[in-house]
Amino acid sequence: MSLLQSYLLFALSWLQAPGIAPASPAAPAGGAGSAPGPGEPMGMWVQWALIIVVVGGAMFLMSRSEKKRRDEHESFVRSLRPGQKVRTSAGFLAEIVSVDATEAVVTIGQKEKIRVNVLVSAISSLAEPAKPAGTEKDGKPEAAKAAKAAKAEKAEKAEKAEKAEKTAEAKAAEGK
């Protein structure tokens, strides 16, 4: 259910509130202390005002999130520099050659570089470099290899020390 639908359901539940419900037949119409019913002018104004406030609030909240997203994209576009690898809204992986206020010249392709003019608004994000196979969480294969080598060396030293201890015990047992 969308945000707007939930607001409208909330508004309709308020319209059924006890103070706005039609007067019972036993109560005198228009008497002192009676609330105006749906057919009376004051009750209709309250209902319409409530609907307008709820719909206006929903539109305000939706426009704020859209404005925030648009501002983030504009600051991203202003930060684009030549040489950066980007992904276009069409899904192409490209490298920026030059950028101005409204257009960017990018190259697309690995072997044959094709130069294309695109609108800067069509650039959706920076391209993340592909992680090579076998990399650890930090993305540094050299560090992962060094850590594995250190761990293997430590295990090997422990194994040698254990063998030396066993041979020393065996020699001590033979000498007795």
N, C-alpha and C. Protein backbone atom coordinates (compact mmCIF):
# COMPACT_ATOMS: atom_id res chain seq x y z
N MET A 1 0.85 -1.16 0.00
CA MET A 1 0.00 0.00 0.00
C MET A 1 0.90 1.23 0.00
N SER A 2 0.61 2.17 -0.86
CA SER A 2 1.45 3.35 -0.95
C SER A 2 1.16 4.32 0.20
N LEU A 3 2.05 5.27 0.33
CA LEU A 3 1.92 6.26 1.39
C LEU A 3 0.66 7.09 1.20
N LEU A 4 0.37 7.45 -0.04
CA LEU A 4 -0.82 8.25 -0.33
C LEU A 4 -2.09 7.48 0.02
N GLN A 5 -2.13 6.20 -0.29
CA GLN A 5 -3.31 5.39 0.02
C GLN A 5 -3.51 5.28 1.52
N SER A 6 -2.42 5.13 2.26
CA SER A 6 -2.58 5.03 3.71
C SER A 6 -3.07 6.34 4.31
N TYR A 7 -2.61 7.47 3.76
CA TYR A 7 -3.11 8.75 4.24
C TYR A 7 -4.59 8.92 3.93
N LEU A 8 -5.01 8.50 2.74
CA LEU A 8 -6.42 8.63 2.39
C LEU A 8 -7.29 7.75 3.28
N LEU A 9 -6.84 6.53 3.58
CA LEU A 9 -7.60 5.67 4.48
C LEU A 9 -7.69 6.29 5.87
N PHE A 10 -6.60 6.91 6.31
CA PHE A 10 -6.60 7.59 7.60
C PHE A 10 -7.61 8.73 7.61
N ALA A 11 -7.65 9.49 6.51
CA ALA A 11 -8.59 10.61 6.42
C ALA A 11 -10.03 10.09 6.42
N LEU A 12 -10.28 9.01 5.71
CA LEU A 12 -11.64 8.48 5.68
C LEU A 12 -12.06 7.94 7.04
N SER A 13 -11.13 7.41 7.81
CA SER A 13 -11.49 6.94 9.15
C SER A 13 -11.85 8.12 10.05
N TRP A 14 -11.23 9.26 9.82
CA TRP A 14 -11.59 10.45 10.61
C TRP A 14 -12.97 10.96 10.21
N LEU A 15 -13.33 10.75 8.95
CA LEU A 15 -14.65 11.20 8.51
C LEU A 15 -15.76 10.43 9.22
N GLN A 16 -15.47 9.25 9.67
CA GLN A 16 -16.46 8.44 10.37
C GLN A 16 -16.41 8.65 11.88
N ALA A 17 -15.71 9.67 12.34
CA ALA A 17 -15.58 9.95 13.77
C ALA A 17 -16.93 10.25 14.38
N PRO A 18 -17.14 9.96 15.68
CA PRO A 18 -18.44 10.15 16.32
C PRO A 18 -18.95 11.59 16.29
N GLY A 19 -18.08 12.56 16.34
CA GLY A 19 -18.54 13.96 16.34
C GLY A 19 -19.07 14.40 15.00
N ILE A 20 -18.76 13.67 13.93
CA ILE A 20 -19.19 14.07 12.60
C ILE A 20 -20.35 13.20 12.11
N ALA A 21 -20.62 12.12 12.80
CA ALA A 21 -21.69 11.21 12.38
C ALA A 21 -23.05 11.91 12.44
N PRO A 22 -24.01 11.47 11.63
CA PRO A 22 -25.33 12.11 11.65
C PRO A 22 -26.00 11.95 13.01
N ALA A 23 -26.80 12.92 13.33
CA ALA A 23 -27.49 12.91 14.63
C ALA A 23 -28.51 11.79 14.66
N SER A 24 -28.72 11.21 15.85
CA SER A 24 -29.70 10.14 16.00
C SER A 24 -31.11 10.74 15.93
N PRO A 25 -32.13 9.95 15.57
CA PRO A 25 -33.48 10.49 15.43
C PRO A 25 -34.05 11.00 16.76
N ALA A 26 -33.57 10.49 17.89
CA ALA A 26 -34.11 10.93 19.18
C ALA A 26 -33.61 12.32 19.54
N ALA A 27 -32.42 12.70 19.04
CA ALA A 27 -31.88 14.01 19.37
C ALA A 27 -32.52 15.07 18.50
N PRO A 28 -32.80 16.23 19.08
CA PRO A 28 -33.40 17.31 18.29
C PRO A 28 -32.39 17.87 17.29
N ALA A 29 -32.81 18.11 16.09
CA ALA A 29 -31.93 18.64 15.06
C ALA A 29 -31.60 20.08 15.37
N GLY A 30 -30.32 20.41 15.34
CA GLY A 30 -29.92 21.79 15.54
C GLY A 30 -30.03 22.25 16.97
N GLY A 31 -30.24 21.35 17.92
CA GLY A 31 -30.36 21.74 19.32
C GLY A 31 -29.02 22.11 19.90
N ALA A 32 -29.03 22.61 21.12
CA ALA A 32 -27.80 23.03 21.77
C ALA A 32 -26.92 21.80 22.03
N GLY A 33 -25.64 21.92 21.70
CA GLY A 33 -24.69 20.86 21.96
C GLY A 33 -24.64 19.77 20.91
N SER A 34 -25.47 19.84 19.88
CA SER A 34 -25.41 18.79 18.85
C SER A 34 -24.38 19.17 17.79
N ALA A 35 -23.65 18.17 17.33
CA ALA A 35 -22.63 18.40 16.29
C ALA A 35 -23.30 18.44 14.94
N PRO A 36 -22.78 19.26 14.03
CA PRO A 36 -23.39 19.31 12.69
C PRO A 36 -23.19 17.99 11.97
N GLY A 37 -24.16 17.54 11.25
CA GLY A 37 -24.11 16.28 10.52
C GLY A 37 -23.47 16.45 9.16
N PRO A 38 -23.35 15.36 8.41
CA PRO A 38 -22.70 15.43 7.12
C PRO A 38 -23.46 16.28 6.10
N GLY A 39 -24.73 16.38 6.24
CA GLY A 39 -25.51 17.18 5.30
C GLY A 39 -25.51 18.66 5.62
N GLU A 40 -25.10 19.01 6.81
CA GLU A 40 -25.10 20.41 7.22
C GLU A 40 -23.81 21.09 6.78
N PRO A 41 -23.87 22.40 6.50
CA PRO A 41 -22.71 23.09 5.92
C PRO A 41 -21.43 23.02 6.76
N MET A 42 -21.52 23.15 8.06
CA MET A 42 -20.31 23.16 8.88
C MET A 42 -19.62 21.78 8.86
N GLY A 43 -20.39 20.71 8.90
CA GLY A 43 -19.82 19.37 8.86
C GLY A 43 -19.12 19.09 7.54
N MET A 44 -19.63 19.59 6.44
CA MET A 44 -19.01 19.39 5.13
C MET A 44 -17.67 20.12 5.06
N TRP A 45 -17.60 21.32 5.64
CA TRP A 45 -16.35 22.08 5.62
C TRP A 45 -15.27 21.37 6.41
N VAL A 46 -15.64 20.78 7.53
CA VAL A 46 -14.67 20.06 8.34
C VAL A 46 -14.15 18.85 7.57
N GLN A 47 -15.03 18.15 6.91
CA GLN A 47 -14.62 16.97 6.14
C GLN A 47 -13.67 17.36 5.00
N TRP A 48 -14.03 18.38 4.26
CA TRP A 48 -13.19 18.80 3.14
C TRP A 48 -11.85 19.35 3.63
N ALA A 49 -11.86 20.08 4.71
CA ALA A 49 -10.61 20.62 5.24
C ALA A 49 -9.69 19.47 5.67
N LEU A 50 -10.25 18.47 6.29
CA LEU A 50 -9.45 17.32 6.73
C LEU A 50 -8.85 16.58 5.54
N ILE A 51 -9.64 16.38 4.52
CA ILE A 51 -9.14 15.70 3.32
C ILE A 51 -8.03 16.52 2.67
N ILE A 52 -8.22 17.82 2.57
CA ILE A 52 -7.21 18.68 1.96
C ILE A 52 -5.91 18.67 2.77
N VAL A 53 -6.02 18.71 4.09
CA VAL A 53 -4.82 18.69 4.93
C VAL A 53 -4.07 17.37 4.78
N VAL A 54 -4.79 16.28 4.77
CA VAL A 54 -4.13 14.97 4.66
C VAL A 54 -3.48 14.80 3.29
N VAL A 55 -4.17 15.13 2.22
CA VAL A 55 -3.59 15.00 0.88
C VAL A 55 -2.42 15.96 0.72
N GLY A 56 -2.55 17.18 1.23
CA GLY A 56 -1.44 18.14 1.16
C GLY A 56 -0.22 17.64 1.92
N GLY A 57 -0.44 17.04 3.09
CA GLY A 57 0.68 16.48 3.86
C GLY A 57 1.37 15.35 3.12
N ALA A 58 0.60 14.50 2.49
CA ALA A 58 1.19 13.39 1.73
C ALA A 58 2.00 13.92 0.55
N MET A 59 1.48 14.89 -0.15
CA MET A 59 2.21 15.46 -1.28
C MET A 59 3.49 16.15 -0.81
N PHE A 60 3.43 16.82 0.33
CA PHE A 60 4.61 17.48 0.88
C PHE A 60 5.70 16.46 1.20
N LEU A 61 5.33 15.37 1.86
CA LEU A 61 6.32 14.35 2.22
C LEU A 61 6.93 13.70 0.98
N MET A 62 6.11 13.44 -0.03
CA MET A 62 6.63 12.82 -1.25
C MET A 62 7.55 13.77 -2.00
N SER A 63 7.21 15.06 -2.04
CA SER A 63 8.04 16.00 -2.77
C SER A 63 9.38 16.22 -2.07
N ARG A 64 9.41 16.13 -0.75
CA ARG A 64 10.67 16.31 -0.02
C ARG A 64 11.64 15.18 -0.33
N SER A 65 11.16 13.95 -0.37
CA SER A 65 12.07 12.84 -0.67
C SER A 65 12.56 12.93 -2.12
N GLU A 66 11.71 13.35 -3.02
CA GLU A 66 12.11 13.51 -4.42
C GLU A 66 13.14 14.64 -4.55
N LYS A 67 12.95 15.72 -3.83
CA LYS A 67 13.88 16.85 -3.87
C LYS A 67 15.24 16.43 -3.32
N LYS A 68 15.24 15.65 -2.25
CA LYS A 68 16.49 15.18 -1.66
C LYS A 68 17.26 14.31 -2.66
N ARG A 69 16.57 13.39 -3.32
CA ARG A 69 17.20 12.53 -4.30
C ARG A 69 17.75 13.35 -5.47
N ARG A 70 16.98 14.33 -5.92
CA ARG A 70 17.41 15.18 -7.04
C ARG A 70 18.65 16.01 -6.66
N ASP A 71 18.68 16.55 -5.45
CA ASP A 71 19.84 17.33 -4.99
C ASP A 71 21.09 16.47 -4.90
N GLU A 72 20.94 15.22 -4.40
CA GLU A 72 22.08 14.31 -4.33
C GLU A 72 22.63 14.02 -5.72
N HIS A 73 21.75 13.81 -6.70
CA HIS A 73 22.20 13.52 -8.06
C HIS A 73 22.88 14.75 -8.67
N GLU A 74 22.36 15.95 -8.40
CA GLU A 74 22.98 17.16 -8.93
C GLU A 74 24.39 17.36 -8.36
N SER A 75 24.57 17.10 -7.07
CA SER A 75 25.91 17.23 -6.49
C SER A 75 26.84 16.15 -7.05
N PHE A 76 26.31 14.96 -7.31
CA PHE A 76 27.11 13.90 -7.93
C PHE A 76 27.56 14.32 -9.33
N VAL A 77 26.64 14.90 -10.11
CA VAL A 77 26.96 15.32 -11.48
C VAL A 77 28.01 16.43 -11.46
N ARG A 78 27.92 17.35 -10.49
CA ARG A 78 28.90 18.43 -10.41
C ARG A 78 30.30 17.91 -10.05
N SER A 79 30.36 16.75 -9.38
CA SER A 79 31.65 16.21 -8.96
C SER A 79 32.32 15.34 -10.03
N LEU A 80 31.68 15.15 -11.18
CA LEU A 80 32.26 14.32 -12.24
C LEU A 80 33.49 14.98 -12.83
N ARG A 81 34.55 14.17 -13.06
CA ARG A 81 35.82 14.64 -13.60
C ARG A 81 36.25 13.70 -14.72
N PRO A 82 37.04 14.23 -15.68
CA PRO A 82 37.57 13.37 -16.74
C PRO A 82 38.43 12.26 -16.15
N GLY A 83 38.32 11.08 -16.76
CA GLY A 83 39.08 9.92 -16.31
C GLY A 83 38.29 8.99 -15.40
N GLN A 84 37.17 9.45 -14.86
CA GLN A 84 36.37 8.60 -13.98
C GLN A 84 35.59 7.60 -14.81
N LYS A 85 35.42 6.41 -14.26
CA LYS A 85 34.60 5.39 -14.91
C LYS A 85 33.20 5.48 -14.32
N VAL A 86 32.19 5.55 -15.20
CA VAL A 86 30.81 5.75 -14.77
C VAL A 86 29.89 4.73 -15.43
N ARG A 87 28.70 4.61 -14.90
CA ARG A 87 27.66 3.78 -15.48
C ARG A 87 26.53 4.72 -15.90
N THR A 88 26.09 4.58 -17.15
CA THR A 88 25.00 5.43 -17.64
C THR A 88 23.66 4.82 -17.26
N SER A 89 22.61 5.61 -17.43
CA SER A 89 21.28 5.10 -17.10
C SER A 89 20.87 3.98 -18.06
N ALA A 90 21.51 3.88 -19.22
CA ALA A 90 21.24 2.79 -20.16
C ALA A 90 22.02 1.53 -19.79
N GLY A 91 22.92 1.64 -18.80
CA GLY A 91 23.66 0.48 -18.35
C GLY A 91 25.05 0.36 -18.94
N PHE A 92 25.48 1.30 -19.77
CA PHE A 92 26.81 1.24 -20.36
C PHE A 92 27.86 1.63 -19.34
N LEU A 93 29.00 0.96 -19.42
CA LEU A 93 30.16 1.30 -18.61
C LEU A 93 31.03 2.19 -19.48
N ALA A 94 31.34 3.40 -18.99
CA ALA A 94 32.05 4.36 -19.82
C ALA A 94 33.09 5.10 -19.00
N GLU A 95 34.03 5.74 -19.72
CA GLU A 95 35.04 6.57 -19.08
C GLU A 95 34.84 8.00 -19.58
N ILE A 96 34.85 8.96 -18.66
CA ILE A 96 34.60 10.35 -19.02
C ILE A 96 35.85 10.94 -19.66
N VAL A 97 35.64 11.60 -20.82
CA VAL A 97 36.73 12.29 -21.51
C VAL A 97 36.68 13.77 -21.15
N SER A 98 35.48 14.37 -21.23
CA SER A 98 35.32 15.77 -20.85
C SER A 98 33.89 15.98 -20.36
N VAL A 99 33.74 17.01 -19.52
CA VAL A 99 32.43 17.30 -18.92
C VAL A 99 32.18 18.80 -18.98
N ASP A 100 30.96 19.19 -19.34
CA ASP A 100 30.55 20.58 -19.16
C ASP A 100 29.23 20.59 -18.41
N ALA A 101 28.53 21.70 -18.40
CA ALA A 101 27.34 21.84 -17.56
C ALA A 101 26.22 20.87 -17.92
N THR A 102 26.03 20.59 -19.21
CA THR A 102 24.89 19.75 -19.59
C THR A 102 25.28 18.45 -20.27
N GLU A 103 26.48 18.39 -20.87
CA GLU A 103 26.87 17.19 -21.61
C GLU A 103 28.23 16.69 -21.16
N ALA A 104 28.45 15.41 -21.42
CA ALA A 104 29.75 14.80 -21.15
C ALA A 104 30.13 13.96 -22.37
N VAL A 105 31.40 13.95 -22.69
CA VAL A 105 31.92 13.09 -23.75
C VAL A 105 32.53 11.89 -23.05
N VAL A 106 32.05 10.70 -23.40
CA VAL A 106 32.54 9.48 -22.77
C VAL A 106 33.02 8.52 -23.84
N THR A 107 33.87 7.58 -23.43
CA THR A 107 34.29 6.51 -24.33
C THR A 107 33.71 5.21 -23.79
N ILE A 108 33.20 4.43 -24.72
CA ILE A 108 32.58 3.16 -24.37
C ILE A 108 33.33 2.06 -25.10
N GLY A 109 33.63 0.97 -24.41
CA GLY A 109 34.28 -0.17 -25.05
C GLY A 109 35.64 -0.45 -24.47
N GLN A 110 36.11 -1.70 -24.67
CA GLN A 110 37.40 -2.12 -24.16
C GLN A 110 38.49 -1.95 -25.21
N LYS A 111 38.33 -2.63 -26.35
CA LYS A 111 39.36 -2.57 -27.39
C LYS A 111 39.18 -1.34 -28.27
N GLU A 112 37.99 -1.21 -28.83
CA GLU A 112 37.70 -0.06 -29.68
C GLU A 112 36.97 0.97 -28.84
N LYS A 113 37.61 2.07 -28.59
CA LYS A 113 37.01 3.13 -27.78
C LYS A 113 36.08 3.96 -28.67
N ILE A 114 34.82 3.97 -28.34
CA ILE A 114 33.82 4.72 -29.09
C ILE A 114 33.47 5.96 -28.28
N ARG A 115 33.63 7.14 -28.89
CA ARG A 115 33.31 8.39 -28.20
C ARG A 115 31.85 8.73 -28.41
N VAL A 116 31.17 9.03 -27.31
CA VAL A 116 29.74 9.31 -27.36
C VAL A 116 29.46 10.54 -26.49
N ASN A 117 28.60 11.43 -26.99
CA ASN A 117 28.13 12.55 -26.18
C ASN A 117 26.88 12.10 -25.44
N VAL A 118 26.86 12.30 -24.11
CA VAL A 118 25.68 11.95 -23.32
C VAL A 118 25.33 13.14 -22.43
N LEU A 119 24.07 13.23 -22.06
CA LEU A 119 23.66 14.23 -21.09
C LEU A 119 24.20 13.82 -19.73
N VAL A 120 24.63 14.79 -18.93
CA VAL A 120 25.16 14.43 -17.61
C VAL A 120 24.06 13.85 -16.72
N SER A 121 22.83 14.18 -17.01
CA SER A 121 21.73 13.60 -16.22
C SER A 121 21.55 12.11 -16.52
N ALA A 122 22.12 11.63 -17.64
CA ALA A 122 22.04 10.21 -17.99
C ALA A 122 23.13 9.38 -17.33
N ILE A 123 24.04 10.04 -16.61
CA ILE A 123 25.07 9.31 -15.87
C ILE A 123 24.50 8.99 -14.50
N SER A 124 24.35 7.71 -14.22
CA SER A 124 23.64 7.33 -12.99
C SER A 124 24.55 7.12 -11.79
N SER A 125 25.76 6.59 -11.99
CA SER A 125 26.63 6.34 -10.83
C SER A 125 28.06 6.13 -11.28
N LEU A 126 28.95 6.16 -10.31
CA LEU A 126 30.33 5.79 -10.59
C LEU A 126 30.40 4.27 -10.70
N ALA A 127 31.21 3.79 -11.61
CA ALA A 127 31.34 2.35 -11.80
C ALA A 127 32.32 1.82 -10.77
N GLU A 128 31.94 0.76 -10.09
CA GLU A 128 32.82 0.12 -9.13
C GLU A 128 33.71 -0.86 -9.90
N PRO A 129 35.01 -0.84 -9.64
CA PRO A 129 35.86 -1.79 -10.36
C PRO A 129 35.51 -3.22 -9.95
N ALA A 130 35.59 -4.13 -10.91
CA ALA A 130 35.30 -5.53 -10.63
C ALA A 130 36.38 -6.10 -9.73
N LYS A 131 35.97 -6.86 -8.72
CA LYS A 131 36.92 -7.47 -7.80
C LYS A 131 37.50 -8.72 -8.44
N PRO A 132 38.82 -8.87 -8.43
CA PRO A 132 39.42 -10.08 -8.98
C PRO A 132 39.05 -11.29 -8.15
N ALA A 133 39.07 -12.45 -8.77
CA ALA A 133 38.72 -13.68 -8.06
C ALA A 133 39.74 -13.95 -6.97
N GLY A 134 39.27 -14.42 -5.83
CA GLY A 134 40.16 -14.76 -4.74
C GLY A 134 40.48 -13.62 -3.80
N THR A 135 39.85 -12.47 -3.97
CA THR A 135 40.12 -11.36 -3.07
C THR A 135 39.33 -11.53 -1.80
N GLU A 136 39.87 -11.00 -0.73
CA GLU A 136 39.17 -11.05 0.56
C GLU A 136 38.21 -9.89 0.65
N LYS A 137 37.60 -9.72 1.82
CA LYS A 137 36.59 -8.68 2.00
C LYS A 137 37.13 -7.28 1.75
N ASP A 138 38.39 -7.02 2.09
CA ASP A 138 38.94 -5.69 1.91
C ASP A 138 39.31 -5.39 0.46
N GLY A 139 39.26 -6.39 -0.43
CA GLY A 139 39.50 -6.19 -1.84
C GLY A 139 40.98 -6.14 -2.21
N LYS A 140 41.87 -6.53 -1.31
CA LYS A 140 43.30 -6.48 -1.58
C LYS A 140 43.86 -7.90 -1.66
N PRO A 141 44.09 -8.41 -2.86
CA PRO A 141 44.57 -9.79 -2.99
C PRO A 141 45.96 -9.97 -2.40
N GLU A 142 46.84 -8.96 -2.47
CA GLU A 142 48.18 -9.09 -1.92
C GLU A 142 48.12 -9.29 -0.41
N ALA A 143 47.28 -8.51 0.25
CA ALA A 143 47.15 -8.62 1.70
C ALA A 143 46.59 -9.99 2.08
N ALA A 144 45.66 -10.49 1.30
CA ALA A 144 45.07 -11.80 1.58
C ALA A 144 46.12 -12.90 1.42
N LYS A 145 46.93 -12.79 0.36
CA LYS A 145 47.98 -13.79 0.14
C LYS A 145 49.02 -13.75 1.25
N ALA A 146 49.39 -12.53 1.67
CA ALA A 146 50.39 -12.38 2.73
C ALA A 146 49.86 -12.96 4.05
N ALA A 147 48.59 -12.73 4.33
CA ALA A 147 48.00 -13.26 5.56
C ALA A 147 47.96 -14.78 5.53
N LYS A 148 47.61 -15.35 4.38
CA LYS A 148 47.59 -16.82 4.25
C LYS A 148 48.99 -17.41 4.40
N ALA A 149 49.99 -16.72 3.81
CA ALA A 149 51.37 -17.21 3.90
C ALA A 149 51.87 -17.15 5.34
N ALA A 150 51.54 -16.08 6.05
CA ALA A 150 51.96 -15.96 7.45
C ALA A 150 51.31 -17.03 8.31
N LYS A 151 50.05 -17.32 8.06
CA LYS A 151 49.33 -18.34 8.81
C LYS A 151 49.95 -19.72 8.55
N ALA A 152 50.28 -20.01 7.27
CA ALA A 152 50.89 -21.30 6.92
C ALA A 152 52.28 -21.43 7.55
N GLU A 153 53.04 -20.34 7.55
CA GLU A 153 54.38 -20.36 8.15
C GLU A 153 54.29 -20.61 9.65
N LYS A 154 53.34 -19.99 10.30
CA LYS A 154 53.15 -20.17 11.75
C LYS A 154 52.79 -21.63 12.06
N ALA A 155 51.89 -22.21 11.26
CA ALA A 155 51.50 -23.60 11.46
C ALA A 155 52.69 -24.54 11.24
N GLU A 156 53.51 -24.22 10.24
CA GLU A 156 54.69 -25.04 9.95
C GLU A 156 55.70 -24.99 11.10
N LYS A 157 55.91 -23.81 11.68
CA LYS A 157 56.83 -23.67 12.82
C LYS A 157 56.31 -24.46 14.02
N ALA A 158 55.02 -24.39 14.27
CA ALA A 158 54.43 -25.13 15.39
C ALA A 158 54.60 -26.63 15.18
N GLU A 159 54.44 -27.08 13.95
CA GLU A 159 54.58 -28.51 13.64
C GLU A 159 56.04 -28.96 13.84
N LYS A 160 57.01 -28.14 13.42
CA LYS A 160 58.42 -28.47 13.60
C LYS A 160 58.79 -28.52 15.08
N ALA A 161 58.24 -27.58 15.86
CA ALA A 161 58.53 -27.56 17.30
C ALA A 161 57.96 -28.80 17.96
N GLU A 162 56.79 -29.22 17.53
CA GLU A 162 56.15 -30.42 18.10
C GLU A 162 56.99 -31.66 17.77
N LYS A 163 57.49 -31.76 16.52
CA LYS A 163 58.33 -32.91 16.12
C LYS A 163 59.63 -32.94 16.93
N ALA A 164 60.22 -31.76 17.11
CA ALA A 164 61.47 -31.68 17.87
C ALA A 164 61.25 -32.12 19.31
N GLU A 165 60.13 -31.72 19.86
CA GLU A 165 59.81 -32.10 21.25
C GLU A 165 59.63 -33.61 21.35
N LYS A 166 58.95 -34.21 20.40
CA LYS A 166 58.72 -35.66 20.42
C LYS A 166 60.05 -36.42 20.28
N THR A 167 60.94 -35.97 19.39
CA THR A 167 62.23 -36.66 19.23
C THR A 167 63.09 -36.52 20.46
N ALA A 168 63.02 -35.37 21.13
CA ALA A 168 63.80 -35.17 22.36
C ALA A 168 63.28 -36.10 23.44
N GLU A 169 61.98 -36.29 23.54
CA GLU A 169 61.39 -37.20 24.51
C GLU A 169 61.78 -38.65 24.21
N ALA A 170 61.81 -38.99 22.90
CA ALA A 170 62.17 -40.35 22.50
C ALA A 170 63.63 -40.64 22.84
N LYS A 171 64.53 -39.69 22.62
CA LYS A 171 65.96 -39.87 22.94
C LYS A 171 66.16 -39.97 24.45
N ALA A 172 65.40 -39.20 25.18
CA ALA A 172 65.52 -39.24 26.64
C ALA A 172 65.04 -40.60 27.17
N ALA A 173 64.02 -41.16 26.53
CA ALA A 173 63.50 -42.46 26.95
C ALA A 173 64.49 -43.56 26.60
N GLU A 174 65.21 -43.48 25.50
CA GLU A 174 66.21 -44.47 25.11
C GLU A 174 67.43 -44.42 26.00
N GLY A 175 67.80 -43.23 26.45
CA GLY A 175 68.99 -43.07 27.27
C GLY A 175 68.80 -43.60 28.67
N LYS A 176 67.66 -43.87 29.13
CA LYS A 176 67.43 -44.37 30.49
C LYS A 176 67.62 -45.80 30.55
